[in-house]
Amino acid sequence: MSTPVEKRNETLGKALVAKLETRHFEAYYCPTAKEAIEKALSLVPEKSSVSWGGSMSIRDMGLTKAFHDGNFEVIDRDLAKSPEEMGDLHRQALLTDYFITSTNAISKDGILVNIDGTGNRVAALCFGPKNVIVICGINKVAPDLDCAVARARNVAAPINAFRFMGKTPCVSTGSCHNCTSPDCICSQVVITRTSRPEKRIKVILVGEELGY
C-alpha cells in the first residue's frame, strides 16, 4: 500500500506530466529510480549513440552503468584522460542520438531551469542531439519559475561548487552571491519553456529524491 508521501508525489508528478505535455515535452512519471531506468532504456533503440553531461542524478541511480551494460554506442566524458579529450567528447556528445541529463529545477507548470559552467549540458538541451532525456527527482519541483531559478542558484549551484572544489563565495556561505569568480559555475542560466521540435525533450519525473 502506498504511503501518504508516495501518494502525494504521484499526484504531483502526474499533474506535472500533464503540464509538460501542454508544452510539447514527452513526459512520464515513475515512482522509483529503478522504474525510471527501465523507462529511459525503453525510449532508446539499441545501437543508438548515447552520451550525458555531469549530472549526479543519472550516475547515482545507475542509469549511466545501464547504458554501458546495454547495446549502445556510448560516448562517456568520464573516461577522458585529459581536459583536451574531455572537450572533444563534449563536442561529440552534441551529435548523438540521445543525450541524458537531469535538470537543476522544474516549475510546477513545466518549465525547466538549468545552470551550467562549461555549457555543454545546456547546449545539448537547447540544440544538437536528436533526442534529450531529462531525469528529474521530485525534490527538484518548485512552485513557480522564480522559485525554480532560486533553487538552481541557491541549492544546486553551491552544492556543485563544493563538488568541484571551486573557490567561489557560495562555497563560503552556501548560497549564491551572483559572483563573477574565475571558478564560477553559473556561466549560463537556461530556461526551457517548451520542447521544439515537439517531443524532442523527454522528461521522466521520479517520485524519489535524486541529485541536488
Protein backbone atom coordinates (compact mmCIF):
# COMPACT_ATOMS: atom_id res chain seq x y z
CA MET A 1 0.00 0.00 0.00
CA SER A 2 1.29 3.46 -0.89
CA THR A 3 2.39 5.79 1.89
CA PRO A 4 0.99 9.35 2.13
CA VAL A 5 4.31 10.66 0.78
CA GLU A 6 4.16 8.30 -2.20
CA LYS A 7 0.56 9.31 -2.90
CA ARG A 8 1.46 12.99 -2.77
CA ASN A 9 4.46 12.51 -5.05
CA GLU A 10 2.41 10.56 -7.59
CA THR A 11 -0.35 13.19 -7.58
CA LEU A 12 2.19 15.99 -8.05
CA GLY A 13 4.13 14.03 -10.66
CA LYS A 14 1.13 13.17 -12.81
CA ALA A 15 -0.14 16.76 -12.70
CA LEU A 16 3.28 17.96 -13.80
CA VAL A 17 3.36 15.40 -16.63
CA ALA A 18 0.13 16.93 -17.95
CA LYS A 19 1.64 20.44 -17.78
CA LEU A 20 4.78 19.29 -19.60
CA GLU A 21 2.72 17.73 -22.37
CA THR A 22 0.95 21.06 -23.00
CA ARG A 23 4.46 22.48 -23.53
CA HIS A 24 5.20 19.78 -26.16
CA PHE A 25 7.53 17.70 -23.98
CA GLU A 26 7.14 13.94 -23.92
CA ALA A 27 6.67 13.23 -20.22
CA TYR A 28 6.38 10.27 -17.84
CA TYR A 29 6.07 9.68 -14.11
CA CYS A 30 7.92 6.80 -12.46
CA PRO A 31 7.53 6.16 -8.70
CA THR A 32 11.08 4.82 -8.28
CA ALA A 33 14.53 5.27 -9.77
CA LYS A 34 14.52 1.61 -10.82
CA GLU A 35 11.38 2.15 -12.88
CA ALA A 36 12.86 5.35 -14.31
CA ILE A 37 15.90 3.40 -15.55
CA GLU A 38 13.62 0.91 -17.26
CA LYS A 39 11.61 3.72 -18.85
CA ALA A 40 14.72 5.53 -20.09
CA LEU A 41 16.14 2.35 -21.62
CA SER A 42 12.81 1.65 -23.33
CA LEU A 43 12.96 5.03 -25.05
CA VAL A 44 16.39 4.43 -26.62
CA PRO A 45 16.65 1.92 -29.50
CA GLU A 46 19.60 -0.47 -29.34
CA LYS A 47 22.77 0.65 -31.13
CA SER A 48 21.82 4.32 -30.69
CA SER A 49 24.60 6.73 -29.79
CA VAL A 50 24.20 7.97 -26.21
CA SER A 51 26.01 10.49 -24.06
CA TRP A 52 25.46 12.64 -20.97
CA GLY A 53 26.68 15.64 -19.03
CA GLY A 54 27.84 15.97 -15.45
CA SER A 55 24.56 15.01 -13.76
CA MET A 56 24.99 13.15 -10.48
CA SER A 57 21.35 12.02 -10.56
CA ILE A 58 21.86 9.72 -13.53
CA ARG A 59 25.11 8.32 -12.12
CA ASP A 60 23.85 7.71 -8.60
CA MET A 61 20.69 5.95 -9.81
CA GLY A 62 22.73 3.62 -12.04
CA LEU A 63 21.49 4.85 -15.41
CA THR A 64 24.92 5.50 -16.93
CA LYS A 65 26.02 1.99 -15.96
CA ALA A 66 22.87 0.57 -17.54
CA PHE A 67 23.74 2.23 -20.85
CA HIS A 68 27.31 0.92 -20.66
CA ASP A 69 25.95 -2.58 -19.99
CA GLY A 70 23.49 -2.40 -22.89
CA ASN A 71 23.88 -2.49 -26.65
CA PHE A 72 24.56 1.20 -27.22
CA GLU A 73 27.31 3.39 -28.65
CA VAL A 74 28.31 5.26 -25.51
CA ILE A 75 30.30 8.48 -25.50
CA ASP A 76 31.37 8.89 -21.87
CA ARG A 77 33.18 12.09 -20.91
CA ASP A 78 34.06 10.49 -17.56
CA LEU A 79 36.58 8.26 -19.35
CA ALA A 80 38.58 11.20 -20.73
CA LYS A 81 42.28 11.08 -19.92
CA SER A 82 42.89 14.82 -20.32
CA PRO A 83 40.98 18.11 -20.45
CA GLU A 84 41.53 18.18 -24.20
CA GLU A 85 39.99 14.74 -24.64
CA MET A 86 37.07 15.72 -22.45
CA GLY A 87 36.48 18.76 -24.65
CA ASP A 88 36.45 16.52 -27.72
CA LEU A 89 33.94 14.17 -26.06
CA HIS A 90 31.74 17.13 -25.10
CA ARG A 91 31.59 18.14 -28.75
CA GLN A 92 30.92 14.58 -29.92
CA ALA A 93 28.03 14.37 -27.45
CA LEU A 94 26.28 17.19 -29.29
CA LEU A 95 25.82 14.89 -32.31
CA THR A 96 24.42 11.85 -30.50
CA ASP A 97 21.04 10.24 -30.99
CA TYR A 98 20.24 10.61 -27.27
CA PHE A 99 21.66 12.92 -24.63
CA ILE A 100 20.86 12.08 -21.00
CA THR A 101 20.76 14.75 -18.32
CA SER A 102 18.99 15.92 -15.21
CA THR A 103 17.66 19.40 -14.50
CA ASN A 104 18.52 21.76 -11.67
CA ALA A 105 14.87 22.64 -11.13
CA ILE A 106 11.43 22.44 -12.74
CA SER A 107 8.43 24.62 -12.03
CA LYS A 108 5.02 23.09 -11.32
CA ASP A 109 3.80 24.48 -14.64
CA GLY A 110 6.51 22.61 -16.57
CA ILE A 111 9.44 24.98 -17.14
CA LEU A 112 12.99 23.59 -16.83
CA VAL A 113 15.75 25.69 -15.24
CA ASN A 114 19.42 24.81 -15.62
CA ILE A 115 22.69 26.50 -14.67
CA ASP A 116 25.96 25.45 -16.27
CA GLY A 117 29.61 26.39 -16.18
CA THR A 118 31.19 24.88 -19.29
CA GLY A 119 27.86 24.95 -21.11
CA ASN A 120 27.99 21.52 -22.73
CA ARG A 121 24.93 20.27 -20.83
CA VAL A 122 22.67 23.22 -21.57
CA ALA A 123 23.96 23.37 -25.14
CA ALA A 124 22.77 19.80 -25.70
CA LEU A 125 19.45 20.61 -24.09
CA CYS A 126 18.92 23.53 -26.49
CA PHE A 127 20.23 22.06 -29.75
CA GLY A 128 22.32 19.26 -31.20
CA PRO A 129 21.38 15.75 -30.08
CA LYS A 130 18.35 14.30 -31.85
CA ASN A 131 16.71 13.50 -28.51
CA VAL A 132 17.23 14.58 -24.91
CA ILE A 133 16.06 12.58 -21.90
CA VAL A 134 15.76 14.57 -18.67
CA ILE A 135 15.61 12.66 -15.37
CA CYS A 136 14.15 14.75 -12.55
CA GLY A 137 13.69 13.75 -8.91
CA ILE A 138 10.60 15.02 -7.11
CA ASN A 139 12.87 17.13 -4.86
CA LYS A 140 13.57 19.48 -7.77
CA VAL A 141 9.97 20.54 -8.34
CA ALA A 142 9.42 24.21 -7.41
CA PRO A 143 6.14 26.13 -7.04
CA ASP A 144 6.84 28.58 -9.87
CA LEU A 145 9.56 29.83 -12.21
CA ASP A 146 11.05 32.31 -9.74
CA CYS A 147 11.34 29.56 -7.13
CA ALA A 148 12.86 27.20 -9.71
CA VAL A 149 15.54 29.77 -10.56
CA ALA A 150 16.16 30.38 -6.85
CA ARG A 151 16.53 26.63 -6.29
CA ALA A 152 19.01 26.30 -9.14
CA ARG A 153 21.09 29.22 -7.90
CA ASN A 154 20.93 28.67 -4.14
CA VAL A 155 20.72 24.89 -3.80
CA ALA A 156 22.10 23.13 -6.87
CA ALA A 157 24.86 25.59 -7.79
CA PRO A 158 26.51 25.88 -4.34
CA ILE A 159 26.46 22.10 -3.87
CA ASN A 160 28.10 21.64 -7.27
CA ALA A 161 30.65 24.32 -6.41
CA PHE A 162 31.56 22.27 -3.33
CA ARG A 163 31.70 19.15 -5.51
CA PHE A 164 34.13 20.80 -7.93
CA MET A 165 36.11 22.33 -5.02
CA GLY A 166 35.80 25.78 -6.51
CA LYS A 167 36.85 29.00 -4.79
CA THR A 168 33.58 30.89 -5.05
CA PRO A 169 31.65 32.96 -2.49
CA CYS A 170 28.90 30.34 -2.34
CA VAL A 171 31.41 27.81 -1.01
CA SER A 172 31.91 30.12 1.96
CA THR A 173 28.23 30.86 2.65
CA GLY A 174 26.22 28.09 0.94
CA SER A 175 24.16 30.49 -1.17
CA CYS A 176 24.53 32.42 -4.42
CA HIS A 177 26.33 35.79 -4.45
CA ASN A 178 25.80 36.43 -8.17
CA CYS A 179 29.58 36.33 -8.45
CA THR A 180 31.93 36.63 -11.39
CA SER A 181 34.64 34.50 -9.82
CA PRO A 182 37.05 32.71 -12.20
CA ASP A 183 35.69 29.45 -10.71
CA CYS A 184 32.05 30.47 -11.17
CA ILE A 185 29.98 27.54 -12.46
CA CYS A 186 26.96 29.75 -13.26
CA SER A 187 28.08 30.99 -16.68
CA GLN A 188 24.83 30.04 -18.42
CA VAL A 189 21.33 30.15 -16.98
CA VAL A 190 18.92 28.43 -19.37
CA ILE A 191 15.13 28.44 -19.08
CA THR A 192 13.42 25.86 -21.28
CA ARG A 193 9.75 26.76 -21.72
CA THR A 194 8.81 24.28 -24.45
CA SER A 195 10.25 21.41 -26.46
CA ARG A 196 10.94 22.26 -30.07
CA PRO A 197 10.72 20.07 -32.08
CA GLU A 198 7.77 18.56 -30.27
CA LYS A 199 8.74 15.61 -28.03
CA ARG A 200 12.47 16.04 -28.73
CA ILE A 201 12.91 16.56 -24.98
CA LYS A 202 11.56 13.69 -22.91
CA VAL A 203 11.14 14.26 -19.18
CA ILE A 204 10.99 11.38 -16.69
CA LEU A 205 9.80 12.56 -13.28
CA VAL A 206 10.82 10.26 -10.43
CA GLY A 207 8.91 10.03 -7.16
CA GLU A 208 12.15 9.88 -5.17
CA GLU A 209 14.82 12.43 -4.30
CA LEU A 210 17.63 12.39 -6.85
CA GLY A 211 20.72 14.55 -7.10
CA TYR A 212 20.97 18.15 -5.97
